[in-house]
PDB file of N, CA and C in Angstrom:
ATOM      1  N   MET A   1     -20.950 -32.246  33.262  1.00  0.00           N
ATOM      2  CA  MET A   1     -21.443 -32.801  32.395  1.00  0.00           C
ATOM      3  C   MET A   1     -21.762 -34.458  33.034  1.00  0.00           C
ATOM      4  N   LYS A   2     -22.908 -34.833  33.292  1.00  0.00           N
ATOM      5  CA  LYS A   2     -23.343 -35.958  33.987  1.00  0.00           C
ATOM      6  C   LYS A   2     -23.771 -37.363  33.285  1.00  0.00           C
ATOM      7  N   LEU A   3     -22.696 -37.951  32.650  1.00  0.00           N
ATOM      8  CA  LEU A   3     -23.389 -38.638  31.672  1.00  0.00           C
ATOM      9  C   LEU A   3     -23.792 -40.078  31.846  1.00  0.00           C
ATOM     10  N   ILE A   4     -24.886 -40.705  31.203  1.00  0.00           N
ATOM     11  CA  ILE A   4     -25.334 -41.723  31.604  1.00  0.00           C
ATOM     12  C   ILE A   4     -25.595 -42.587  30.565  1.00  0.00           C
ATOM     13  N   THR A   5     -26.342 -43.734  30.597  1.00  0.00           N
ATOM     14  CA  THR A   5     -26.543 -44.712  29.818  1.00  0.00           C
ATOM     15  C   THR A   5     -27.708 -45.626  30.658  1.00  0.00           C
ATOM     16  N   TYR A   6     -29.163 -45.706  30.082  1.00  0.00           N
ATOM     17  CA  TYR A   6     -29.789 -45.621  30.612  1.00  0.00           C
ATOM     18  C   TYR A   6     -31.112 -46.536  29.250  1.00  0.00           C
ATOM     19  N   THR A   7     -32.014 -46.648  30.074  1.00  0.00           N
ATOM     20  CA  THR A   7     -33.270 -47.551  29.010  1.00  0.00           C
ATOM     21  C   THR A   7     -33.950 -46.593  28.768  1.00  0.00           C
ATOM     22  N   TYR A   8     -34.683 -46.655  27.967  1.00  0.00           N
ATOM     23  CA  TYR A   8     -36.070 -45.939  27.328  1.00  0.00           C
ATOM     24  C   TYR A   8     -37.014 -46.618  26.773  1.00  0.00           C
ATOM     25  N   GLN A   9     -38.405 -46.724  27.149  1.00  0.00           N
ATOM     26  CA  GLN A   9     -39.053 -47.389  26.371  1.00  0.00           C
ATOM     27  C   GLN A   9     -38.211 -48.575  25.428  1.00  0.00           C
ATOM     28  N   GLY A  10     -37.797 -49.539  26.495  1.00  0.00           N
ATOM     29  CA  GLY A  10     -37.083 -50.298  25.872  1.00  0.00           C
ATOM     30  C   GLY A  10     -35.689 -50.460  24.880  1.00  0.00           C
ATOM     31  N   ALA A  11     -35.046 -49.364  25.094  1.00  0.00           N
ATOM     32  CA  ALA A  11     -34.412 -49.169  23.782  1.00  0.00           C
ATOM     33  C   ALA A  11     -33.197 -49.023  24.991  1.00  0.00           C
ATOM     34  N   SER A  12     -31.882 -49.419  25.056  1.00  0.00           N
ATOM     35  CA  SER A  12     -30.998 -48.700  25.574  1.00  0.00           C
ATOM     36  C   SER A  12     -30.196 -47.765  24.943  1.00  0.00           C
ATOM     37  N   THR A  13     -29.586 -46.898  25.373  1.00  0.00           N
ATOM     38  CA  THR A  13     -28.979 -45.538  24.828  1.00  0.00           C
ATOM     39  C   THR A  13     -27.828 -44.867  25.977  1.00  0.00           C
ATOM     40  N   TRP A  14     -27.547 -43.756  25.497  1.00  0.00           N
ATOM     41  CA  TRP A  14     -26.596 -43.273  26.199  1.00  0.00           C
ATOM     42  C   TRP A  14     -27.038 -41.378  25.961  1.00  0.00           C
ATOM     43  N   GLY A  15     -26.621 -40.431  26.772  1.00  0.00           N
ATOM     44  CA  GLY A  15     -26.586 -39.155  27.190  1.00  0.00           C
ATOM     45  C   GLY A  15     -26.335 -38.628  28.160  1.00  0.00           C
ATOM     46  N   ALA A  16     -26.949 -38.132  28.646  1.00  0.00           N
ATOM     47  CA  ALA A  16     -26.968 -36.777  29.538  1.00  0.00           C
ATOM     48  C   ALA A  16     -27.799 -36.153  30.843  1.00  0.00           C
ATOM     49  N   VAL A  17     -27.909 -36.043  31.802  1.00  0.00           N
ATOM     50  CA  VAL A  17     -28.747 -35.379  32.307  1.00  0.00           C
ATOM     51  C   VAL A  17     -28.185 -34.089  32.498  1.00  0.00           C
ATOM     52  N   VAL A  18     -29.178 -32.971  32.371  1.00  0.00           N
ATOM     53  CA  VAL A  18     -29.449 -31.489  32.330  1.00  0.00           C
ATOM     54  C   VAL A  18     -30.342 -31.050  33.182  1.00  0.00           C
ATOM     55  N   GLY A  19     -29.952 -30.539  33.998  1.00  0.00           N
ATOM     56  CA  GLY A  19     -31.342 -30.246  35.035  1.00  0.00           C
ATOM     57  C   GLY A  19     -32.173 -31.681  35.361  1.00  0.00           C
ATOM     58  N   ASP A  20     -33.331 -31.309  35.250  1.00  0.00           N
ATOM     59  CA  ASP A  20     -34.324 -32.841  35.701  1.00  0.00           C
ATOM     60  C   ASP A  20     -34.690 -33.322  34.360  1.00  0.00           C
ATOM     61  N   GLY A  21     -33.813 -33.330  33.352  1.00  0.00           N
ATOM     62  CA  GLY A  21     -34.224 -34.044  32.170  1.00  0.00           C
ATOM     63  C   GLY A  21     -33.019 -35.174  31.554  1.00  0.00           C
ATOM     64  N   VAL A  22     -33.495 -35.541  30.619  1.00  0.00           N
ATOM     65  CA  VAL A  22     -32.294 -36.532  29.758  1.00  0.00           C
ATOM     66  C   VAL A  22     -32.273 -35.879  28.371  1.00  0.00           C
ATOM     67  N   ILE A  23     -30.972 -35.701  27.681  1.00  0.00           N
ATOM     68  CA  ILE A  23     -30.745 -35.128  26.352  1.00  0.00           C
ATOM     69  C   ILE A  23     -29.987 -36.902  25.752  1.00  0.00           C
ATOM     70  N   GLU A  24     -30.432 -37.172  24.868  1.00  0.00           N
ATOM     71  CA  GLU A  24     -30.035 -38.376  24.674  1.00  0.00           C
ATOM     72  C   GLU A  24     -29.283 -37.823  23.298  1.00  0.00           C
ATOM     73  N   LEU A  25     -27.594 -38.715  23.409  1.00  0.00           N
ATOM     74  CA  LEU A  25     -26.997 -38.483  22.799  1.00  0.00           C
ATOM     75  C   LEU A  25     -26.287 -39.524  21.186  1.00  0.00           C
ATOM     76  N   GLY A  26     -26.946 -40.933  21.743  1.00  0.00           N
ATOM     77  CA  GLY A  26     -26.770 -42.032  21.215  1.00  0.00           C
ATOM     78  C   GLY A  26     -26.548 -41.494  19.575  1.00  0.00           C
ATOM     79  N   SER A  27     -27.911 -40.858  19.038  1.00  0.00           N
ATOM     80  CA  SER A  27     -28.270 -40.678  17.608  1.00  0.00           C
ATOM     81  C   SER A  27     -27.420 -39.754  17.672  1.00  0.00           C
ATOM     82  N   ARG A  28     -27.256 -38.649  18.265  1.00  0.00           N
ATOM     83  CA  ARG A  28     -26.563 -37.657  17.407  1.00  0.00           C
ATOM     84  C   ARG A  28     -25.041 -37.259  17.829  1.00  0.00           C
ATOM     85  N   LEU A  29     -24.540 -38.209  18.122  1.00  0.00           N
ATOM     86  CA  LEU A  29     -23.166 -38.352  18.051  1.00  0.00           C
ATOM     87  C   LEU A  29     -23.208 -39.932  17.732  1.00  0.00           C
ATOM     88  N   PRO A  30     -23.090 -40.409  16.239  1.00  0.00           N
ATOM     89  CA  PRO A  30     -23.416 -41.661  16.138  1.00  0.00           C
ATOM     90  C   PRO A  30     -21.845 -42.532  16.196  1.00  0.00           C
ATOM     91  N   ALA A  31     -21.073 -41.515  15.801  1.00  0.00           N
ATOM     92  CA  ALA A  31     -19.804 -42.025  15.810  1.00  0.00           C
ATOM     93  C   ALA A  31     -18.867 -42.385  17.179  1.00  0.00           C
ATOM     94  N   VAL A  32     -19.687 -42.334  18.560  1.00  0.00           N
ATOM     95  CA  VAL A  32     -19.067 -42.089  19.378  1.00  0.00           C
ATOM     96  C   VAL A  32     -19.708 -43.418  20.523  1.00  0.00           C
ATOM     97  N   ALA A  33     -18.670 -44.391  20.456  1.00  0.00           N
ATOM     98  CA  ALA A  33     -19.666 -45.663  20.982  1.00  0.00           C
ATOM     99  C   ALA A  33     -20.197 -45.246  22.403  1.00  0.00           C
ATOM    100  N   GLY A  34     -20.260 -44.519  23.316  1.00  0.00           N
ATOM    101  CA  GLY A  34     -21.427 -44.581  24.339  1.00  0.00           C
ATOM    102  C   GLY A  34     -20.426 -43.753  25.284  1.00  0.00           C
ATOM    103  N   VAL A  35     -20.790 -43.854  26.533  1.00  0.00           N
ATOM    104  CA  VAL A  35     -20.219 -42.991  27.859  1.00  0.00           C
ATOM    105  C   VAL A  35     -18.785 -43.271  27.667  1.00  0.00           C
ATOM    106  N   ALA A  36     -17.914 -44.661  27.169  1.00  0.00           N
ATOM    107  CA  ALA A  36     -16.808 -44.824  27.367  1.00  0.00           C
ATOM    108  C   ALA A  36     -16.161 -44.319  26.036  1.00  0.00           C
ATOM    109  N   GLY A  37     -16.958 -44.162  25.117  1.00  0.00           N
ATOM    110  CA  GLY A  37     -16.284 -43.887  23.399  1.00  0.00           C
ATOM    111  C   GLY A  37     -16.175 -42.271  23.887  1.00  0.00           C
ATOM    112  N   LEU A  38     -17.177 -41.449  24.689  1.00  0.00           N
ATOM    113  CA  LEU A  38     -17.012 -39.903  24.774  1.00  0.00           C
ATOM    114  C   LEU A  38     -15.621 -39.694  25.589  1.00  0.00           C
ATOM    115  N   LEU A  39     -15.902 -40.328  26.590  1.00  0.00           N
ATOM    116  CA  LEU A  39     -14.264 -40.215  27.348  1.00  0.00           C
ATOM    117  C   LEU A  39     -13.025 -40.216  27.226  1.00  0.00           C
ATOM    118  N   GLY A  40     -13.094 -41.508  26.189  1.00  0.00           N
ATOM    119  CA  GLY A  40     -11.924 -42.092  25.024  1.00  0.00           C
ATOM    120  C   GLY A  40     -11.694 -40.716  24.160  1.00  0.00           C
ATOM    121  N   ALA A  41     -12.724 -40.310  23.643  1.00  0.00           N
ATOM    122  CA  ALA A  41     -13.101 -39.274  22.630  1.00  0.00           C
ATOM    123  C   ALA A  41     -11.764 -37.926  22.795  1.00  0.00           C
ATOM    124  N   GLY A  42     -11.609 -37.341  21.081  1.00  0.00           N
ATOM    125  CA  GLY A  42     -10.734 -36.213  21.422  1.00  0.00           C
ATOM    126  C   GLY A  42     -11.096 -35.026  22.002  1.00  0.00           C
ATOM    127  N   THR A  43     -10.545 -33.896  22.205  1.00  0.00           N
ATOM    128  CA  THR A  43     -11.615 -32.692  22.976  1.00  0.00           C
ATOM    129  C   THR A  43     -12.211 -32.030  21.695  1.00  0.00           C
ATOM    130  N   ALA A  44     -12.404 -32.303  20.310  1.00  0.00           N
ATOM    131  CA  ALA A  44     -13.362 -31.535  19.778  1.00  0.00           C
ATOM    132  C   ALA A  44     -14.744 -32.627  19.325  1.00  0.00           C
ATOM    133  N   THR A  45     -14.689 -33.823  19.798  1.00  0.00           N
ATOM    134  CA  THR A  45     -15.711 -34.731  20.091  1.00  0.00           C
ATOM    135  C   THR A  45     -16.285 -34.179  21.658  1.00  0.00           C
ATOM    136  N   PHE A  46     -15.499 -33.581  22.567  1.00  0.00           N
ATOM    137  CA  PHE A  46     -15.776 -33.904  23.881  1.00  0.00           C
ATOM    138  C   PHE A  46     -16.627 -32.525  23.810  1.00  0.00           C
ATOM    139  N   ALA A  47     -15.922 -31.513  23.084  1.00  0.00           N
ATOM    140  CA  ALA A  47     -16.704 -30.107  22.430  1.00  0.00           C
ATOM    141  C   ALA A  47     -17.872 -30.154  21.890  1.00  0.00           C
ATOM    142  N   ALA A  48     -17.926 -30.836  20.759  1.00  0.00           N
ATOM    143  CA  ALA A  48     -19.246 -30.895  20.258  1.00  0.00           C
ATOM    144  C   ALA A  48     -20.318 -31.621  21.275  1.00  0.00           C
ATOM    145  N   ALA A  49     -19.988 -32.480  22.027  1.00  0.00           N
ATOM    146  CA  ALA A  49     -20.675 -33.164  22.888  1.00  0.00           C
ATOM    147  C   ALA A  49     -21.291 -31.982  23.912  1.00  0.00           C
ATOM    148  N   ARG A  50     -20.701 -31.013  24.373  1.00  0.00           N
ATOM    149  CA  ARG A  50     -20.732 -30.347  25.238  1.00  0.00           C
ATOM    150  C   ARG A  50     -21.876 -29.077  24.747  1.00  0.00           C
ATOM    151  N   SER A  51     -21.452 -28.865  23.384  1.00  0.00           N
ATOM    152  CA  SER A  51     -22.611 -27.827  22.279  1.00  0.00           C
ATOM    153  C   SER A  51     -23.734 -28.200  22.214  1.00  0.00           C
ATOM    154  N   LEU A  52     -23.950 -29.921  21.908  1.00  0.00           N
ATOM    155  CA  LEU A  52     -25.109 -30.513  21.885  1.00  0.00           C
ATOM    156  C   LEU A  52     -25.955 -29.875  23.167  1.00  0.00           C
ATOM    157  N   LEU A  53     -25.142 -30.428  24.371  1.00  0.00           N
ATOM    158  CA  LEU A  53     -26.172 -29.914  25.539  1.00  0.00           C
ATOM    159  C   LEU A  53     -26.870 -28.832  25.745  1.00  0.00           C
ATOM    160  N   GLU A  54     -25.370 -27.768  25.889  1.00  0.00           N
ATOM    161  CA  GLU A  54     -26.088 -26.234  25.911  1.00  0.00           C
ATOM    162  C   GLU A  54     -27.329 -25.614  24.656  1.00  0.00           C
ATOM    163  N   GLN A  55     -27.272 -26.519  24.103  1.00  0.00           N
ATOM    164  CA  GLN A  55     -27.963 -25.577  22.971  1.00  0.00           C
ATOM    165  C   GLN A  55     -29.581 -26.725  22.096  1.00  0.00           C
ATOM    166  N   THR A  56     -29.186 -28.173  22.829  1.00  0.00           N
ATOM    167  CA  THR A  56     -30.419 -29.047  22.622  1.00  0.00           C
ATOM    168  C   THR A  56     -31.411 -28.677  24.221  1.00  0.00           C
ATOM    169  N   PRO A  57     -32.774 -28.705  24.048  1.00  0.00           N
ATOM    170  CA  PRO A  57     -33.724 -29.307  24.943  1.00  0.00           C
ATOM    171  C   PRO A  57     -33.765 -30.287  25.565  1.00  0.00           C
ATOM    172  N   ALA A  58     -33.888 -30.934  26.728  1.00  0.00           N
ATOM    173  CA  ALA A  58     -34.297 -32.092  27.169  1.00  0.00           C
ATOM    174  C   ALA A  58     -34.990 -33.036  26.465  1.00  0.00           C
ATOM    175  N   ASP A  59     -34.881 -34.379  25.714  1.00  0.00           N
ATOM    176  CA  ASP A  59     -35.814 -35.061  25.303  1.00  0.00           C
ATOM    177  C   ASP A  59     -36.721 -35.868  26.279  1.00  0.00           C
ATOM    178  N   TYR A  60     -36.352 -35.623  27.496  1.00  0.00           N
ATOM    179  CA  TYR A  60     -37.741 -36.450  28.737  1.00  0.00           C
ATOM    180  C   TYR A  60     -37.151 -36.260  29.504  1.00  0.00           C
ATOM    181  N   PRO A  61     -38.357 -36.333  30.750  1.00  0.00           N
ATOM    182  CA  PRO A  61     -37.728 -36.308  31.846  1.00  0.00           C
ATOM    183  C   PRO A  61     -36.576 -37.242  32.585  1.00  0.00           C
ATOM    184  N   GLN A  62     -36.322 -37.214  33.421  1.00  0.00           N
ATOM    185  CA  GLN A  62     -35.375 -38.246  34.003  1.00  0.00           C
ATOM    186  C   GLN A  62     -35.792 -39.377  34.548  1.00  0.00           C
ATOM    187  N   SER A  63     -37.455 -39.234  35.094  1.00  0.00           N
ATOM    188  CA  SER A  63     -37.928 -40.193  35.619  1.00  0.00           C
ATOM    189  C   SER A  63     -38.548 -40.691  35.050  1.00  0.00           C
ATOM    190  N   ALA A  64     -38.209 -40.660  33.416  1.00  0.00           N
ATOM    191  CA  ALA A  64     -38.819 -41.546  32.473  1.00  0.00           C
ATOM    192  C   ALA A  64     -38.290 -42.662  31.848  1.00  0.00           C
ATOM    193  N   VAL A  65     -36.449 -42.842  32.514  1.00  0.00           N
ATOM    194  CA  VAL A  65     -35.527 -43.421  31.790  1.00  0.00           C
ATOM    195  C   VAL A  65     -35.307 -44.557  33.601  1.00  0.00           C
ATOM    196  N   ALA A  66     -34.537 -45.707  33.074  1.00  0.00           N
ATOM    197  CA  ALA A  66     -34.205 -46.927  33.869  1.00  0.00           C
ATOM    198  C   ALA A  66     -32.834 -46.628  33.841  1.00  0.00           C
ATOM    199  N   LEU A  67     -31.707 -45.734  34.499  1.00  0.00           N
ATOM    200  CA  LEU A  67     -30.329 -46.390  34.695  1.00  0.00           C
ATOM    201  C   LEU A  67     -29.583 -47.596  34.674  1.00  0.00           C
ATOM    202  N   LEU A  68     -28.545 -47.624  33.770  1.00  0.00           N
ATOM    203  CA  LEU A  68     -27.613 -48.681  33.793  1.00  0.00           C
ATOM    204  C   LEU A  68     -26.241 -48.101  34.227  1.00  0.00           C
ATOM    205  N   ARG A  69     -25.375 -49.371  34.301  1.00  0.00           N
ATOM    206  CA  ARG A  69     -24.169 -49.319  34.587  1.00  0.00           C
ATOM    207  C   ARG A  69     -23.482 -47.960  32.860  1.00  0.00           C
ATOM    208  N   PRO A  70     -22.888 -47.144  33.908  1.00  0.00           N
ATOM    209  CA  PRO A  70     -23.049 -45.533  32.860  1.00  0.00           C
ATOM    210  C   PRO A  70     -21.685 -46.582  31.788  1.00  0.00           C
ATOM    211  N   VAL A  71     -20.969 -47.429  31.773  1.00  0.00           N
ATOM    212  CA  VAL A  71     -19.988 -47.977  31.136  1.00  0.00           C
ATOM    213  C   VAL A  71     -20.255 -49.952  31.274  1.00  0.00           C
ATOM    214  N   PRO A  72     -21.055 -49.942  30.343  1.00  0.00           N
ATOM    215  CA  PRO A  72     -21.610 -52.176  30.102  1.00  0.00           C
ATOM    216  C   PRO A  72     -21.011 -52.696  30.839  1.00  0.00           C
ATOM    217  N   HIS A  73     -19.804 -52.428  29.808  1.00  0.00           N
ATOM    218  CA  HIS A  73     -18.718 -53.608  29.904  1.00  0.00           C
ATOM    219  C   HIS A  73     -17.350 -52.776  29.808  1.00  0.00           C
ATOM    220  N   PRO A  74     -16.921 -52.584  30.938  1.00  0.00           N
ATOM    221  CA  PRO A  74     -15.308 -51.676  31.293  1.00  0.00           C
ATOM    222  C   PRO A  74     -14.005 -52.255  31.101  1.00  0.00           C
ATOM    223  N   ARG A  75     -13.374 -51.594  30.346  1.00  0.00           N
ATOM    224  CA  ARG A  75     -11.947 -52.526  30.217  1.00  0.00           C
ATOM    225  C   ARG A  75     -11.589 -52.688  31.464  1.00  0.00           C
ATOM    226  N   ARG A  76     -10.882 -54.329  31.510  1.00  0.00           N
ATOM    227  CA  ARG A  76     -10.178 -54.338  32.743  1.00  0.00           C
ATOM    228  C   ARG A  76      -8.859 -53.614  32.929  1.00  0.00           C
ATOM    229  N   SER A  77      -8.178 -53.211  33.829  1.00  0.00           N
ATOM    230  CA  SER A  77      -6.835 -52.173  33.823  1.00  0.00           C
ATOM    231  C   SER A  77      -5.765 -53.640  34.113  1.00  0.00           C
ATOM    232  N   SER A  78      -4.723 -53.344  33.550  1.00  0.00           N
ATOM    233  CA  SER A  78      -3.483 -54.205  33.111  1.00  0.00           C
ATOM    234  C   SER A  78      -2.281 -54.262  33.875  1.00  0.00           C
ATOM    235  N   ALA A  79      -3.120 -52.811  34.912  1.00  0.00           N
ATOM    236  CA  ALA A  79      -2.047 -52.401  36.234  1.00  0.00           C
ATOM    237  C   ALA A  79      -2.216 -53.644  37.118  1.00  0.00           C
ATOM    238  N   SER A  80      -0.868 -53.675  37.905  1.00  0.00           N
ATOM    239  CA  SER A  80      -0.811 -54.715  38.992  1.00  0.00           C
ATOM    240  C   SER A  80      -1.300 -54.028  40.092  1.00  0.00           C
ATOM    241  N   ALA A  81      -2.122 -54.537  41.155  1.00  0.00           N
ATOM    242  CA  ALA A  81      -2.032 -53.634  42.378  1.00  0.00           C
ATOM    243  C   ALA A  81      -1.067 -54.027  43.332  1.00  0.00           C
TER     244      ALA A  81
END
């Protein structure tokens, strides 16, 4: 599953690349706050996202979106180097 954050027609959202297309997940999983939210979600939420990707045709071609940072505001690690 290749998760992306992107803009499409001026609106920012997130989703996944499937083949040459993009499936928008932001409106389909409204309780999940973007890529970071999905990565931190439980297995049931992740399974729901995977199921959507298997059953949903692409919303638009990948060439129609402008990619952004996958996690726009990453949390900083508190671990010392």
